[in-house]
Amino acid sequence: MAATSGTDHSVPVERWSSVEEICKHLGVSRDTIYRWIAGRGMPAHRIGRLWKFKLSEVDAWARTKPEPA
């Protein structure tokens, strides 16, 4: 039997968010999200046919963008 130190060194893993979840989080439409991916460099990851997002990446990206007029 292996000895353990009793300390958990695991790093929490951020879950993937869907387009719908990002829409709700940012208060914008699906079309806006797709436009931002294509034209404004919004951080998104293509997994098969789906776009997935890391909330921390989206929040960091949103902080660098000016508010729409």
N, C-alpha and C. Protein backbone atom coordinates (compact mmCIF):
# COMPACT_ATOMS: atom_id res chain seq x y z
N MET A 1 0.84 -1.18 0.00
CA MET A 1 0.00 0.00 0.00
C MET A 1 0.89 1.24 0.00
N ALA A 2 0.56 2.18 -0.85
CA ALA A 2 1.36 3.39 -0.97
C ALA A 2 1.00 4.37 0.14
N ALA A 3 1.99 5.06 0.62
CA ALA A 3 1.77 6.07 1.65
C ALA A 3 1.28 7.35 1.00
N THR A 4 0.38 8.04 1.65
CA THR A 4 -0.10 9.33 1.14
C THR A 4 0.15 10.39 2.18
N SER A 5 0.31 11.59 1.70
CA SER A 5 0.59 12.70 2.62
C SER A 5 -0.68 13.29 3.20
N GLY A 6 -1.84 12.94 2.61
CA GLY A 6 -3.09 13.50 3.09
C GLY A 6 -3.38 14.87 2.51
N THR A 7 -2.52 15.35 1.64
CA THR A 7 -2.71 16.66 1.02
C THR A 7 -3.19 16.46 -0.41
N ASP A 8 -4.25 17.15 -0.76
CA ASP A 8 -4.79 17.08 -2.12
C ASP A 8 -4.16 18.18 -2.95
N HIS A 9 -3.37 17.80 -3.94
CA HIS A 9 -2.69 18.77 -4.78
C HIS A 9 -3.39 18.96 -6.12
N SER A 10 -4.62 18.52 -6.24
CA SER A 10 -5.31 18.65 -7.52
C SER A 10 -5.70 20.11 -7.75
N VAL A 11 -5.65 20.49 -8.99
CA VAL A 11 -6.01 21.85 -9.40
C VAL A 11 -7.45 21.80 -9.91
N PRO A 12 -8.31 22.71 -9.47
CA PRO A 12 -9.68 22.69 -9.98
C PRO A 12 -9.68 22.94 -11.49
N VAL A 13 -10.48 22.16 -12.18
CA VAL A 13 -10.55 22.27 -13.63
C VAL A 13 -11.78 23.10 -13.99
N GLU A 14 -11.56 24.12 -14.80
CA GLU A 14 -12.67 24.97 -15.23
C GLU A 14 -13.48 24.22 -16.28
N ARG A 15 -14.78 24.23 -16.14
CA ARG A 15 -15.63 23.52 -17.09
C ARG A 15 -15.86 24.36 -18.33
N TRP A 16 -16.23 23.68 -19.41
CA TRP A 16 -16.55 24.36 -20.66
C TRP A 16 -17.95 24.95 -20.56
N SER A 17 -18.15 26.14 -21.15
CA SER A 17 -19.46 26.77 -21.20
C SER A 17 -19.96 26.76 -22.64
N SER A 18 -21.27 26.67 -22.79
CA SER A 18 -21.89 26.64 -24.11
C SER A 18 -22.16 28.07 -24.61
N VAL A 19 -22.55 28.17 -25.88
CA VAL A 19 -22.92 29.47 -26.45
C VAL A 19 -24.07 30.07 -25.64
N GLU A 20 -25.06 29.24 -25.31
CA GLU A 20 -26.22 29.73 -24.56
C GLU A 20 -25.82 30.29 -23.19
N GLU A 21 -24.91 29.60 -22.52
CA GLU A 21 -24.45 30.07 -21.21
C GLU A 21 -23.69 31.39 -21.33
N ILE A 22 -22.89 31.53 -22.38
CA ILE A 22 -22.14 32.77 -22.59
C ILE A 22 -23.10 33.91 -22.95
N CYS A 23 -24.13 33.61 -23.74
CA CYS A 23 -25.15 34.63 -24.06
C CYS A 23 -25.77 35.18 -22.78
N LYS A 24 -26.17 34.29 -21.89
CA LYS A 24 -26.78 34.71 -20.63
C LYS A 24 -25.78 35.48 -19.77
N HIS A 25 -24.56 35.00 -19.72
CA HIS A 25 -23.52 35.63 -18.89
C HIS A 25 -23.24 37.06 -19.34
N LEU A 26 -23.19 37.27 -20.67
CA LEU A 26 -22.86 38.60 -21.20
C LEU A 26 -24.09 39.42 -21.56
N GLY A 27 -25.27 38.80 -21.59
CA GLY A 27 -26.50 39.53 -21.92
C GLY A 27 -26.60 39.92 -23.38
N VAL A 28 -26.13 39.04 -24.26
CA VAL A 28 -26.18 39.30 -25.70
C VAL A 28 -26.78 38.10 -26.42
N SER A 29 -27.07 38.27 -27.72
CA SER A 29 -27.67 37.20 -28.51
C SER A 29 -26.62 36.23 -29.06
N ARG A 30 -27.11 35.09 -29.55
CA ARG A 30 -26.23 34.10 -30.20
C ARG A 30 -25.52 34.73 -31.40
N ASP A 31 -26.26 35.51 -32.19
CA ASP A 31 -25.66 36.15 -33.37
C ASP A 31 -24.49 37.04 -32.96
N THR A 32 -24.65 37.76 -31.87
CA THR A 32 -23.56 38.63 -31.39
C THR A 32 -22.35 37.80 -31.01
N ILE A 33 -22.56 36.69 -30.32
CA ILE A 33 -21.44 35.82 -29.94
C ILE A 33 -20.70 35.34 -31.18
N TYR A 34 -21.43 34.86 -32.18
CA TYR A 34 -20.79 34.36 -33.40
C TYR A 34 -20.05 35.48 -34.14
N ARG A 35 -20.62 36.69 -34.13
CA ARG A 35 -19.95 37.85 -34.74
C ARG A 35 -18.66 38.17 -34.01
N TRP A 36 -18.69 38.13 -32.69
CA TRP A 36 -17.50 38.42 -31.89
C TRP A 36 -16.42 37.36 -32.08
N ILE A 37 -16.82 36.11 -32.24
CA ILE A 37 -15.83 35.06 -32.51
C ILE A 37 -15.14 35.34 -33.84
N ALA A 38 -15.93 35.65 -34.87
CA ALA A 38 -15.40 35.84 -36.22
C ALA A 38 -14.62 37.14 -36.38
N GLY A 39 -15.11 38.22 -35.79
CA GLY A 39 -14.54 39.52 -36.09
C GLY A 39 -13.80 40.24 -34.99
N ARG A 40 -14.00 39.83 -33.75
CA ARG A 40 -13.38 40.57 -32.64
C ARG A 40 -12.46 39.72 -31.79
N GLY A 41 -12.21 38.50 -32.25
CA GLY A 41 -11.24 37.67 -31.55
C GLY A 41 -11.70 37.12 -30.21
N MET A 42 -12.99 36.94 -30.04
CA MET A 42 -13.48 36.37 -28.79
C MET A 42 -12.89 34.97 -28.62
N PRO A 43 -12.35 34.66 -27.43
CA PRO A 43 -11.75 33.34 -27.23
C PRO A 43 -12.81 32.24 -27.20
N ALA A 44 -12.73 31.35 -28.17
CA ALA A 44 -13.67 30.24 -28.28
C ALA A 44 -12.93 29.04 -28.83
N HIS A 45 -13.39 27.88 -28.49
CA HIS A 45 -12.74 26.64 -28.90
C HIS A 45 -13.76 25.79 -29.63
N ARG A 46 -13.39 25.35 -30.82
CA ARG A 46 -14.28 24.50 -31.61
C ARG A 46 -14.06 23.05 -31.18
N ILE A 47 -15.09 22.42 -30.70
CA ILE A 47 -15.04 21.02 -30.30
C ILE A 47 -16.08 20.30 -31.15
N GLY A 48 -15.60 19.64 -32.19
CA GLY A 48 -16.53 19.05 -33.16
C GLY A 48 -17.27 20.16 -33.87
N ARG A 49 -18.59 20.13 -33.83
CA ARG A 49 -19.40 21.17 -34.46
C ARG A 49 -19.78 22.28 -33.49
N LEU A 50 -19.39 22.15 -32.23
CA LEU A 50 -19.82 23.09 -31.20
C LEU A 50 -18.74 24.08 -30.83
N TRP A 51 -19.15 25.28 -30.47
CA TRP A 51 -18.25 26.26 -29.87
C TRP A 51 -18.35 26.12 -28.37
N LYS A 52 -17.21 26.08 -27.70
CA LYS A 52 -17.17 26.01 -26.24
C LYS A 52 -16.25 27.11 -25.73
N PHE A 53 -16.48 27.53 -24.50
CA PHE A 53 -15.79 28.68 -23.93
C PHE A 53 -15.33 28.38 -22.52
N LYS A 54 -14.23 29.00 -22.13
CA LYS A 54 -13.79 29.03 -20.74
C LYS A 54 -14.21 30.40 -20.21
N LEU A 55 -15.01 30.41 -19.18
CA LEU A 55 -15.55 31.66 -18.65
C LEU A 55 -14.45 32.64 -18.27
N SER A 56 -13.36 32.15 -17.73
CA SER A 56 -12.25 33.04 -17.34
C SER A 56 -11.65 33.73 -18.56
N GLU A 57 -11.54 33.01 -19.69
CA GLU A 57 -11.00 33.61 -20.92
C GLU A 57 -11.95 34.66 -21.47
N VAL A 58 -13.26 34.35 -21.46
CA VAL A 58 -14.26 35.29 -21.97
C VAL A 58 -14.28 36.55 -21.11
N ASP A 59 -14.24 36.40 -19.79
CA ASP A 59 -14.24 37.57 -18.90
C ASP A 59 -13.00 38.43 -19.11
N ALA A 60 -11.84 37.80 -19.25
CA ALA A 60 -10.60 38.56 -19.49
C ALA A 60 -10.68 39.30 -20.82
N TRP A 61 -11.20 38.64 -21.85
CA TRP A 61 -11.36 39.26 -23.17
C TRP A 61 -12.33 40.44 -23.08
N ALA A 62 -13.46 40.26 -22.39
CA ALA A 62 -14.48 41.30 -22.29
C ALA A 62 -13.95 42.54 -21.57
N ARG A 63 -13.07 42.34 -20.58
CA ARG A 63 -12.50 43.49 -19.86
C ARG A 63 -11.62 44.35 -20.76
N THR A 64 -11.09 43.81 -21.84
CA THR A 64 -10.22 44.57 -22.73
C THR A 64 -10.98 45.29 -23.83
N LYS A 65 -12.28 45.04 -23.95
CA LYS A 65 -13.08 45.62 -25.02
C LYS A 65 -13.85 46.83 -24.50
N PRO A 66 -13.92 47.90 -25.31
CA PRO A 66 -14.71 49.07 -24.88
C PRO A 66 -16.20 48.74 -24.88
N GLU A 67 -16.94 49.43 -24.04
CA GLU A 67 -18.39 49.27 -23.98
C GLU A 67 -18.99 49.77 -25.29
N PRO A 68 -20.01 49.07 -25.83
CA PRO A 68 -20.67 49.56 -27.05
C PRO A 68 -21.42 50.85 -26.77
N ALA A 69 -21.47 51.72 -27.76
CA ALA A 69 -22.13 53.03 -27.59
C ALA A 69 -23.62 52.90 -27.71
